[in-house]
Amino acid sequence: MGYNAGNDATAAAAKAWIAAKVAAGLPVRAGQLLTEVVGLPLVTAPNSKSTADYPVYTVTTDAFGNVSETWAQQKFDKIIAGQAKMTETTTKSTSTSIDGTTSITQPYKTLYNYNESTGKLMTVQVVAASSVPAAVTSTATRSTR
């Protein structure tokens, strides 16, 4: 389910709010936009493990009972063709198998690059966290063309 303000006053207010945040060098967070501009309440699920550093939290359980928890921080700090664009995501996760073993994925960044005139996503780059030893640190870029 999404919110589409069309060309009404809410859309203009949202664009102005985003532009002011970007101009001030502040992060643009979707939850803040919805509460401060659109007027929707920010709802957090009970027992959510969201944090200030990682406001997006998801938990999934597969058909075998393995549980994965993922935390993410999304950064929207570019406006192209009148749209806020996500430029960076920092993600970390923990997976627990039904046998009790745990796998931890250290934080890593995903960088998004757009065509400045059309807003089309051009490349996605995954950058390993600096805390990972150099021997296993890698950078991969994938073009969406």
Protein backbone atom coordinates (compact mmCIF):
# COMPACT_ATOMS: atom_id res chain seq x y z
CA MET A 1 0.00 0.00 0.00
CA GLY A 2 1.40 3.39 -0.91
CA TYR A 3 0.55 7.02 -0.57
CA ASN A 4 0.30 9.08 -3.73
CA ALA A 5 -0.31 12.75 -3.17
CA GLY A 6 -0.50 13.55 -6.88
CA ASN A 7 -0.05 17.26 -7.52
CA ASP A 8 -1.96 18.52 -4.49
CA ALA A 9 -0.73 20.72 -1.65
CA THR A 10 0.56 17.71 0.30
CA ALA A 11 2.91 16.79 -2.53
CA ALA A 12 4.21 20.36 -2.67
CA ALA A 13 4.69 20.39 1.11
CA ALA A 14 6.51 17.04 0.98
CA LYS A 15 8.84 18.26 -1.78
CA ALA A 16 9.60 21.45 0.17
CA TRP A 17 10.23 19.46 3.36
CA ILE A 18 12.61 17.08 1.54
CA ALA A 19 14.41 19.96 -0.19
CA ALA A 20 14.92 21.75 3.15
CA LYS A 21 16.34 18.58 4.75
CA VAL A 22 18.70 17.98 1.81
CA ALA A 23 19.82 21.63 1.77
CA ALA A 24 20.57 21.46 5.50
CA GLY A 25 22.53 18.23 5.05
CA LEU A 26 20.06 16.30 7.23
CA PRO A 27 18.87 12.76 6.54
CA VAL A 28 15.46 12.32 4.97
CA ARG A 29 13.51 9.54 6.66
CA ALA A 30 10.23 8.31 5.27
CA GLY A 31 8.70 7.97 8.75
CA GLN A 32 9.43 11.61 9.54
CA LEU A 33 7.94 12.70 6.23
CA LEU A 34 4.72 10.81 6.89
CA THR A 35 4.34 12.18 10.42
CA GLU A 36 5.57 15.76 9.95
CA VAL A 37 4.12 16.55 6.51
CA VAL A 38 1.35 14.09 5.69
CA GLY A 39 0.10 13.85 9.27
CA LEU A 40 0.03 10.06 9.54
CA PRO A 41 1.00 8.58 12.91
CA LEU A 42 4.30 6.74 13.02
CA VAL A 43 3.38 3.20 14.01
CA THR A 44 5.94 0.83 15.45
CA ALA A 45 5.05 -2.81 15.87
CA PRO A 46 4.90 -4.04 19.46
CA ASN A 47 8.18 -5.69 20.51
CA SER A 48 9.94 -4.12 17.52
CA LYS A 49 13.70 -4.23 17.74
CA SER A 50 14.14 -1.05 15.70
CA THR A 51 16.80 1.33 16.95
CA ALA A 52 17.73 4.94 16.22
CA ASP A 53 20.66 3.73 14.10
CA TYR A 54 18.60 1.05 12.33
CA PRO A 55 14.95 2.18 12.20
CA VAL A 56 13.85 -0.52 9.72
CA TYR A 57 13.51 -3.95 11.33
CA THR A 58 12.19 -7.12 9.71
CA VAL A 59 11.98 -10.69 10.92
CA THR A 60 11.24 -13.69 8.72
CA THR A 61 10.80 -17.37 9.43
CA ASP A 62 11.23 -19.83 6.57
CA ALA A 63 9.30 -23.07 6.05
CA PHE A 64 11.84 -25.02 8.12
CA GLY A 65 11.69 -22.68 11.13
CA ASN A 66 14.96 -20.79 10.54
CA VAL A 67 14.67 -17.16 11.68
CA SER A 68 16.35 -14.16 10.07
CA GLU A 69 16.33 -10.70 11.61
CA THR A 70 17.43 -7.73 9.52
CA TRP A 71 18.05 -4.11 10.51
CA ALA A 72 18.44 -1.35 7.94
CA GLN A 73 18.93 2.38 7.71
CA GLN A 74 17.79 4.05 4.50
CA LYS A 75 19.11 7.42 3.36
CA PHE A 76 17.07 9.57 0.96
CA ASP A 77 19.16 12.65 0.27
CA LYS A 78 18.71 13.41 -3.40
CA ILE A 79 15.84 14.89 -5.36
CA ILE A 80 15.81 14.08 -9.06
CA ALA A 81 12.90 14.87 -11.35
CA GLY A 82 10.85 15.87 -8.31
CA GLN A 83 11.31 12.54 -6.52
CA ALA A 84 13.27 11.71 -3.37
CA LYS A 85 15.81 9.01 -4.20
CA MET A 86 17.33 6.48 -1.83
CA THR A 87 21.09 6.89 -2.16
CA GLU A 88 22.36 4.59 0.56
CA THR A 89 21.22 1.70 2.74
CA THR A 90 23.17 0.24 5.65
CA THR A 91 22.08 -3.30 6.52
CA LYS A 92 22.99 -5.93 9.10
CA SER A 93 21.38 -9.25 9.96
CA THR A 94 21.34 -12.26 12.24
CA SER A 95 20.08 -15.69 11.21
CA THR A 96 19.33 -18.50 13.63
CA SER A 97 18.90 -22.03 12.29
CA ILE A 98 16.60 -24.58 13.87
CA ASP A 99 19.69 -26.43 15.13
CA GLY A 100 20.61 -23.35 17.18
CA THR A 101 23.54 -22.09 15.10
CA THR A 102 23.69 -18.35 14.53
CA SER A 103 25.11 -16.46 11.57
CA ILE A 104 25.78 -12.72 11.88
CA THR A 105 26.21 -10.47 8.87
CA GLN A 106 28.21 -7.37 9.78
CA PRO A 107 26.85 -4.00 8.57
CA TYR A 108 27.39 -3.26 4.89
CA LYS A 109 26.34 -0.39 2.65
CA THR A 110 24.46 -0.46 -0.62
CA LEU A 111 24.96 2.70 -2.70
CA TYR A 112 22.53 3.74 -5.43
CA ASN A 113 23.47 5.99 -8.36
CA TYR A 114 20.86 7.64 -10.58
CA ASN A 115 20.80 9.42 -13.92
CA GLU A 116 20.65 13.08 -12.82
CA SER A 117 18.13 14.14 -15.48
CA THR A 118 15.77 11.15 -15.70
CA GLY A 119 16.06 9.72 -12.18
CA LYS A 120 16.60 6.22 -13.60
CA LEU A 121 18.62 3.91 -11.37
CA MET A 122 21.96 3.39 -13.10
CA THR A 123 24.19 1.41 -10.73
CA VAL A 124 24.05 -0.34 -7.39
CA GLN A 125 27.25 -0.80 -5.42
CA VAL A 126 27.66 -2.98 -2.34
CA VAL A 127 30.49 -1.96 -0.03
CA ALA A 128 31.55 -4.24 2.82
CA ALA A 129 31.83 -2.78 6.31
CA SER A 130 35.25 -1.46 7.34
CA SER A 131 35.26 -3.76 10.37
CA VAL A 132 35.52 -6.82 8.10
CA PRO A 133 39.14 -7.97 7.69
CA ALA A 134 40.73 -6.71 4.46
CA ALA A 135 41.13 -10.28 3.16
CA VAL A 136 37.36 -10.71 2.90
CA THR A 137 36.34 -7.14 2.11
CA SER A 138 35.02 -6.69 -1.40
CA THR A 139 33.24 -4.16 -3.54
CA ALA A 140 30.84 -5.22 -6.26
CA THR A 141 29.06 -2.98 -8.72
CA ARG A 142 26.10 -3.99 -10.83
CA SER A 143 24.71 -1.87 -13.63
CA THR A 144 20.94 -1.82 -14.08
CA ARG A 145 21.12 -0.92 -17.75
